[in-house]
């Protein structure tokens, strides 16, 4: 079981006030679904770069009943004028473990790795290993990683694949990489979100050969949750970006690939529990058209978080979708 609940877009008030309003909307959504804040296993506060100096004040507006870990993600801008904060939460059973905001810092809070992204990444994964061990888990339990990168670290990103190859286990988890103006802790070039499962894992691949050389898979099944890698408009057989300059056609292609991955897990589009859509500045203005394409491809409206990022790992991409689905192993 997994559910995504989203605050939607709030434009009134300052950033801390928007945070309080967003959490109130999420609490109402949970109550309407027969859930409560105690059912939340992980949460996100998406804060625009101009409001990011007030992250502590935003965190102070969280509801008292929330016990789940929260990741603060600094996004490039609001998707609507005046919007500075959005909130989303994951509801799942105890098999899902959420490790947010894992960075390259030692136990004293000092940065490890200097300006070396690979060294920072290795330090961050060492922290993941420690945090998992505290919960009785190992790196082989990891189902999904999200890399948040700054532009300063992007040129070194290719080298982080060797770190993943050293520390992660097969079946490799899903993955996504998002470029931001800055991170919540401005000292770092990178940060990690990690999802893990206490259930046995099964890899998901429609037969795309490119994944034989990569350190991630299109998806991983753990229990009744399907953790899917971020998808963009990349043709898997040729590894070429398609529909450059047209975010709407990129969305059509991307959601088509997501349906293909779900089908390889024996699931239909309705298994999609929700998705996070990251838009580059070039693609953001057409997000309403993307929503129409999403409905067309999937046949329904899933819960979606729409966000603005600085960039994606291929310059042709104007959209990356990070989906999560519900369904049992084949």
Protein backbone atom coordinates (compact mmCIF):
# COMPACT_ATOMS: atom_id res chain seq x y z
CA UNK A 1 0.00 0.00 0.00
CA UNK A 2 1.28 3.45 -0.84
CA UNK A 3 -0.42 6.81 -1.22
CA UNK A 4 0.80 10.27 -2.18
CA UNK A 5 -0.94 13.30 -0.68
CA UNK A 6 -0.16 16.80 -1.95
CA UNK A 7 -0.94 20.28 -0.69
CA UNK A 8 -1.42 21.77 -4.13
CA UNK A 9 -0.37 25.32 -5.00
CA UNK A 10 -0.79 28.04 -2.39
CA UNK A 11 -0.09 31.66 -3.35
CA UNK A 12 -1.28 33.74 -0.38
CA UNK A 13 0.92 34.82 2.52
CA UNK A 14 4.63 34.59 3.23
CA UNK A 15 6.57 31.33 2.98
CA UNK A 16 6.05 30.19 6.61
CA UNK A 17 2.34 31.01 6.30
CA UNK A 18 2.13 29.05 3.06
CA UNK A 19 3.84 26.13 4.80
CA UNK A 20 1.25 26.13 7.58
CA UNK A 21 -1.58 26.31 5.03
CA UNK A 22 -0.02 23.54 2.95
CA UNK A 23 0.25 21.23 5.94
CA UNK A 24 -3.39 21.95 6.80
CA UNK A 25 -4.45 20.94 3.27
CA UNK A 26 -2.42 17.72 3.53
CA UNK A 27 -4.01 16.91 6.90
CA UNK A 28 -7.47 17.39 5.37
CA UNK A 29 -6.55 15.13 2.44
CA UNK A 30 -5.32 12.45 4.82
CA UNK A 31 -8.50 12.65 6.91
CA UNK A 32 -10.67 12.36 3.80
CA UNK A 33 -8.83 9.14 2.95
CA UNK A 34 -9.24 7.76 6.46
CA UNK A 35 -5.59 8.48 7.29
CA UNK A 36 -3.77 10.78 9.67
CA UNK A 37 -0.34 12.30 10.13
CA UNK A 38 0.64 9.22 12.13
CA UNK A 39 0.36 7.17 8.91
CA UNK A 40 2.95 9.32 7.10
CA UNK A 41 6.33 7.63 6.56
CA UNK A 42 8.04 10.51 4.78
CA UNK A 43 7.37 14.07 3.70
CA UNK A 44 8.71 16.83 1.46
CA UNK A 45 8.66 20.58 1.78
CA UNK A 46 9.44 22.14 -1.60
CA UNK A 47 10.68 25.68 -1.08
CA UNK A 48 11.62 28.18 -3.80
CA UNK A 49 15.14 29.56 -3.96
CA UNK A 50 14.07 33.11 -2.93
CA UNK A 51 12.42 31.69 0.22
CA UNK A 52 15.21 29.23 1.05
CA UNK A 53 16.92 31.49 3.58
CA UNK A 54 13.88 30.90 5.78
CA UNK A 55 13.98 27.09 5.84
CA UNK A 56 14.06 26.95 9.65
CA UNK A 57 11.00 29.19 9.93
CA UNK A 58 9.20 26.99 7.40
CA UNK A 59 10.12 23.84 9.31
CA UNK A 60 8.75 25.42 12.49
CA UNK A 61 5.24 25.46 10.96
CA UNK A 62 4.99 21.67 10.71
CA UNK A 63 2.03 20.13 12.57
CA UNK A 64 2.68 18.73 16.02
CA UNK A 65 1.32 15.29 15.09
CA UNK A 66 3.96 14.72 12.41
CA UNK A 67 6.64 12.20 13.39
CA UNK A 68 7.93 11.24 9.94
CA UNK A 69 11.23 12.55 8.53
CA UNK A 70 10.96 15.57 6.22
CA UNK A 71 13.13 16.51 3.26
CA UNK A 72 13.36 20.18 2.37
CA UNK A 73 14.01 20.54 -1.36
CA UNK A 74 14.97 23.95 -2.73
CA UNK A 75 13.27 24.34 -6.13
CA UNK A 76 14.09 26.94 -8.74
CA UNK A 77 10.78 28.82 -8.60
CA UNK A 78 7.11 28.38 -7.86
CA UNK A 79 4.94 26.91 -10.58
CA UNK A 80 2.50 29.78 -10.09
CA UNK A 81 3.11 33.45 -9.23
CA UNK A 82 3.36 33.90 -5.48
CA UNK A 83 3.78 30.19 -4.71
CA UNK A 84 6.78 29.58 -2.45
CA UNK A 85 6.05 26.33 -0.59
CA UNK A 86 4.43 23.02 -1.49
CA UNK A 87 4.12 19.92 0.68
CA UNK A 88 3.73 16.26 -0.19
CA UNK A 89 3.65 13.17 2.01
CA UNK A 90 3.98 9.43 1.49
CA UNK A 91 1.69 7.03 3.33
CA UNK A 92 2.79 3.41 3.40
CA UNK A 93 3.17 0.47 5.73
CA UNK A 94 6.26 -0.17 7.82
CA UNK A 95 8.05 -1.98 4.99
CA UNK A 96 8.98 1.39 3.41
CA UNK A 97 11.90 3.24 5.00
CA UNK A 98 12.56 6.88 4.04
CA UNK A 99 15.98 8.46 4.54
CA UNK A 100 15.81 12.12 3.50
CA UNK A 101 18.49 14.75 3.23
CA UNK A 102 21.47 12.42 3.45
CA UNK A 103 24.48 14.58 2.74
CA UNK A 104 28.30 14.40 2.73
CA UNK A 105 28.80 15.36 6.37
CA UNK A 106 30.58 13.70 9.27
CA UNK A 107 29.06 13.16 12.71
CA UNK A 108 30.21 16.63 13.77
CA UNK A 109 28.31 18.13 10.85
CA UNK A 110 31.41 19.09 8.89
CA UNK A 111 31.53 18.73 5.10
CA UNK A 112 33.44 15.72 3.77
CA UNK A 113 35.05 15.76 0.32
CA UNK A 114 35.68 19.45 -0.23
CA UNK A 115 34.84 20.38 -3.83
CA UNK A 116 35.09 16.78 -5.04
CA UNK A 117 31.61 15.51 -5.96
CA UNK A 118 32.74 11.87 -6.08
CA UNK A 119 34.20 12.11 -2.57
CA UNK A 120 31.05 13.82 -1.35
CA UNK A 121 28.91 11.09 -2.89
CA UNK A 122 31.00 8.36 -1.26
CA UNK A 123 30.61 10.12 2.11
CA UNK A 124 26.85 10.44 1.63
CA UNK A 125 26.49 6.73 0.84
CA UNK A 126 28.57 5.88 3.92
CA UNK A 127 25.96 7.80 5.90
CA UNK A 128 23.18 5.88 4.13
CA UNK A 129 24.87 2.62 5.11
CA UNK A 130 25.08 3.75 8.74
CA UNK A 131 21.47 4.93 8.87
CA UNK A 132 20.22 1.69 7.35
CA UNK A 133 22.27 -0.37 9.80
CA UNK A 134 20.65 1.54 12.69
CA UNK A 135 17.34 0.21 11.35
CA UNK A 136 18.59 -3.34 10.90
CA UNK A 137 18.88 -2.96 7.11
CA UNK A 138 21.65 -3.07 4.50
CA UNK A 139 22.41 -1.41 1.18
CA UNK A 140 20.75 -4.39 -0.50
CA UNK A 141 17.44 -3.05 0.87
CA UNK A 142 17.69 0.21 -1.10
CA UNK A 143 14.91 0.60 -3.69
CA UNK A 144 15.25 4.20 -4.89
CA UNK A 145 17.77 7.03 -4.78
CA UNK A 146 17.25 10.65 -5.82
CA UNK A 147 20.37 12.72 -6.42
CA UNK A 148 20.03 16.47 -5.95
CA UNK A 149 22.92 18.26 -7.64
CA UNK A 150 24.13 21.82 -8.00
CA UNK A 151 25.44 23.10 -11.30
CA UNK A 152 28.90 23.27 -9.72
CA UNK A 153 28.88 19.51 -9.20
CA UNK A 154 27.33 18.51 -12.51
CA UNK A 155 30.59 18.23 -14.47
CA UNK A 156 31.81 15.58 -12.02
CA UNK A 157 28.58 13.60 -11.94
CA UNK A 158 29.66 10.82 -14.31
CA UNK A 159 32.25 9.67 -11.78
CA UNK A 160 29.61 8.96 -9.14
CA UNK A 161 28.53 5.84 -11.07
CA UNK A 162 31.62 4.05 -9.74
CA UNK A 163 30.56 4.89 -6.19
CA UNK A 164 27.12 3.40 -6.77
CA UNK A 165 28.69 0.32 -8.35
CA UNK A 166 30.86 -0.14 -5.25
CA UNK A 167 28.19 0.32 -2.60
CA UNK A 168 24.85 -0.80 -4.08
CA UNK A 169 23.64 -4.34 -4.59
CA UNK A 170 21.78 -6.08 -7.39
CA UNK A 171 19.01 -5.75 -8.23
CA UNK A 172 20.08 -2.14 -8.47
CA UNK A 173 17.52 0.36 -7.20
CA UNK A 174 15.64 2.95 -9.20
CA UNK A 175 17.25 6.36 -9.53
CA UNK A 176 16.72 9.99 -10.56
CA UNK A 177 18.97 13.03 -10.80
CA UNK A 178 17.75 16.62 -10.47
CA UNK A 179 19.79 19.83 -10.80
CA UNK A 180 19.03 22.72 -8.45
CA UNK A 181 20.35 26.25 -7.92
CA UNK A 182 21.24 25.33 -4.37
CA UNK A 183 20.63 22.67 -1.75
CA UNK A 184 19.12 23.07 1.69
CA UNK A 185 22.70 22.96 3.05
CA UNK A 186 24.59 25.29 0.73
CA UNK A 187 27.98 23.79 1.58
CA UNK A 188 27.29 20.59 -0.37
CA UNK A 189 27.40 19.86 -4.10
CA UNK A 190 24.96 16.97 -3.69
CA UNK A 191 22.40 15.37 -1.44
CA UNK A 192 20.48 12.11 -1.42
CA UNK A 193 16.98 10.89 -0.75
CA UNK A 194 16.86 7.14 -0.23
CA UNK A 195 13.93 4.76 -0.07
CA UNK A 196 14.40 1.23 1.18
CA UNK A 197 12.19 -1.78 1.77
CA UNK A 198 12.21 -4.55 4.33
CA UNK A 199 10.64 -6.83 1.68
CA UNK A 200 12.54 -9.02 -0.84
CA UNK A 201 13.26 -7.08 -4.03
CA UNK A 202 12.57 -7.93 -7.65
CA UNK A 203 14.02 -5.90 -10.53
CA UNK A 204 11.77 -4.58 -13.29
CA UNK A 205 13.04 -4.06 -16.85
CA UNK A 206 11.00 -4.22 -20.08
CA UNK A 207 14.09 -5.63 -21.82
CA UNK A 208 15.94 -2.35 -22.33
CA UNK A 209 19.55 -3.40 -22.82
CA UNK A 210 21.04 -0.08 -21.74
CA UNK A 211 20.41 -0.96 -18.10
CA UNK A 212 22.93 -3.80 -18.25
CA UNK A 213 25.72 -1.21 -17.95
CA UNK A 214 24.01 1.14 -15.48
CA UNK A 215 23.79 1.17 -11.70
CA UNK A 216 20.02 1.53 -11.63
CA UNK A 217 16.97 -0.21 -13.07
CA UNK A 218 13.71 1.11 -14.53
CA UNK A 219 12.00 -0.19 -11.42
CA UNK A 220 12.18 -2.41 -8.34
CA UNK A 221 9.32 -4.21 -6.60
CA UNK A 222 9.38 -4.47 -2.83
CA UNK A 223 6.25 -5.99 -1.31
CA UNK A 224 3.28 -4.22 -2.89
CA UNK A 225 5.20 -1.07 -3.90
CA UNK A 226 6.88 -0.49 -7.27
CA UNK A 227 9.71 2.03 -7.02
CA UNK A 228 10.31 3.46 -10.49
CA UNK A 229 13.30 5.39 -11.78
CA UNK A 230 12.82 8.90 -13.05
CA UNK A 231 11.78 8.86 -16.70
CA UNK A 232 12.33 11.47 -19.39
CA UNK A 233 12.04 11.54 -23.17
CA UNK A 234 14.90 9.13 -23.82
CA UNK A 235 14.60 6.35 -26.38
CA UNK A 236 15.96 3.30 -24.50
CA UNK A 237 17.30 1.29 -27.50
CA UNK A 238 19.24 4.20 -29.02
CA UNK A 239 19.84 6.22 -25.83
CA UNK A 240 18.94 9.40 -27.71
CA UNK A 241 16.77 12.23 -26.43
CA UNK A 242 13.60 12.69 -28.45
CA UNK A 243 11.22 15.62 -29.05
CA UNK A 244 13.77 18.26 -28.05
CA UNK A 245 12.10 21.65 -27.60
CA UNK A 246 8.57 20.24 -27.17
CA UNK A 247 7.76 19.44 -23.55
CA UNK A 248 4.26 18.21 -24.42
CA UNK A 249 5.54 15.51 -26.77
CA UNK A 250 8.28 14.74 -24.27
CA UNK A 251 5.55 14.16 -21.68
CA UNK A 252 3.64 11.87 -24.04
CA UNK A 253 6.77 9.81 -24.67
CA UNK A 254 7.79 9.79 -21.00
CA UNK A 255 4.42 8.62 -19.71
CA UNK A 256 4.36 6.02 -22.49
CA UNK A 257 7.64 4.64 -21.15
CA UNK A 258 6.22 4.62 -17.62
CA UNK A 259 3.25 2.56 -18.83
CA UNK A 260 5.72 0.18 -20.50
CA UNK A 261 7.66 -0.28 -17.26
CA UNK A 262 4.44 -0.91 -15.33
CA UNK A 263 3.34 -3.45 -17.94
CA UNK A 264 6.64 -5.31 -17.51
CA UNK A 265 5.71 -5.62 -13.82
CA UNK A 266 2.31 -7.03 -14.82
CA UNK A 267 0.50 -3.80 -13.93
CA UNK A 268 -1.70 -1.32 -15.73
CA UNK A 269 -1.54 2.49 -15.66
CA UNK A 270 -4.02 2.58 -12.77
CA UNK A 271 -1.30 1.13 -10.52
CA UNK A 272 0.36 4.55 -10.51
CA UNK A 273 -0.03 5.94 -6.99
CA UNK A 274 1.43 9.32 -7.85
CA UNK A 275 4.28 11.16 -9.51
CA UNK A 276 6.59 14.13 -9.12
CA UNK A 277 7.12 16.16 -12.30
CA UNK A 278 10.25 18.29 -12.50
CA UNK A 279 10.12 20.98 -15.20
CA UNK A 280 13.04 23.00 -16.51
CA UNK A 281 12.37 26.72 -17.08
CA UNK A 282 11.82 25.99 -20.78
CA UNK A 283 9.06 23.48 -20.10
CA UNK A 284 7.28 25.03 -17.14
CA UNK A 285 4.92 27.31 -19.04
CA UNK A 286 3.21 24.37 -20.78
CA UNK A 287 2.49 22.25 -17.70
CA UNK A 288 -1.29 22.56 -18.26
CA UNK A 289 -0.84 20.94 -21.69
CA UNK A 290 1.28 18.24 -20.06
CA UNK A 291 -1.57 17.52 -17.64
CA UNK A 292 -3.91 16.89 -20.58
CA UNK A 293 -1.41 14.51 -22.18
CA UNK A 294 -0.93 12.73 -18.87
CA UNK A 295 -4.68 12.07 -18.66
CA UNK A 296 -4.71 10.92 -22.27
CA UNK A 297 -1.89 8.40 -21.83
CA UNK A 298 -2.88 7.07 -18.40
CA UNK A 299 -6.66 7.29 -18.72
CA UNK A 300 -7.04 9.01 -15.33
CA UNK A 301 -5.61 11.80 -13.17
CA UNK A 302 -3.04 10.54 -10.66
CA UNK A 303 -1.84 12.63 -7.74
CA UNK A 304 1.00 14.78 -9.10
CA UNK A 305 3.46 17.27 -7.65
CA UNK A 306 4.60 19.83 -10.24
CA UNK A 307 7.97 21.48 -9.52
CA UNK A 308 10.51 23.73 -11.22
CA UNK A 309 14.16 22.66 -11.30
CA UNK A 310 17.26 24.36 -12.67
CA UNK A 311 17.99 21.56 -15.13
CA UNK A 312 18.05 17.84 -15.84
CA UNK A 313 20.87 15.44 -16.70
CA UNK A 314 20.38 15.81 -20.46
CA UNK A 315 20.11 19.37 -21.73
CA UNK A 316 17.37 18.32 -24.19
CA UNK A 317 15.06 17.26 -21.36
CA UNK A 318 12.43 19.75 -20.23
CA UNK A 319 10.60 17.27 -17.99
CA UNK A 320 11.48 14.35 -15.74
CA UNK A 321 8.81 12.28 -14.02
CA UNK A 322 9.51 10.32 -10.85
CA UNK A 323 6.61 7.86 -10.44
CA UNK A 324 5.70 5.44 -7.68
CA UNK A 325 3.19 2.64 -8.04
CA UNK A 326 1.37 0.01 -6.05
CA UNK A 327 1.38 -3.66 -7.05
CA UNK A 328 2.77 -7.05 -6.05
CA UNK A 329 5.66 -8.93 -7.60
CA UNK A 330 4.88 -10.93 -10.72
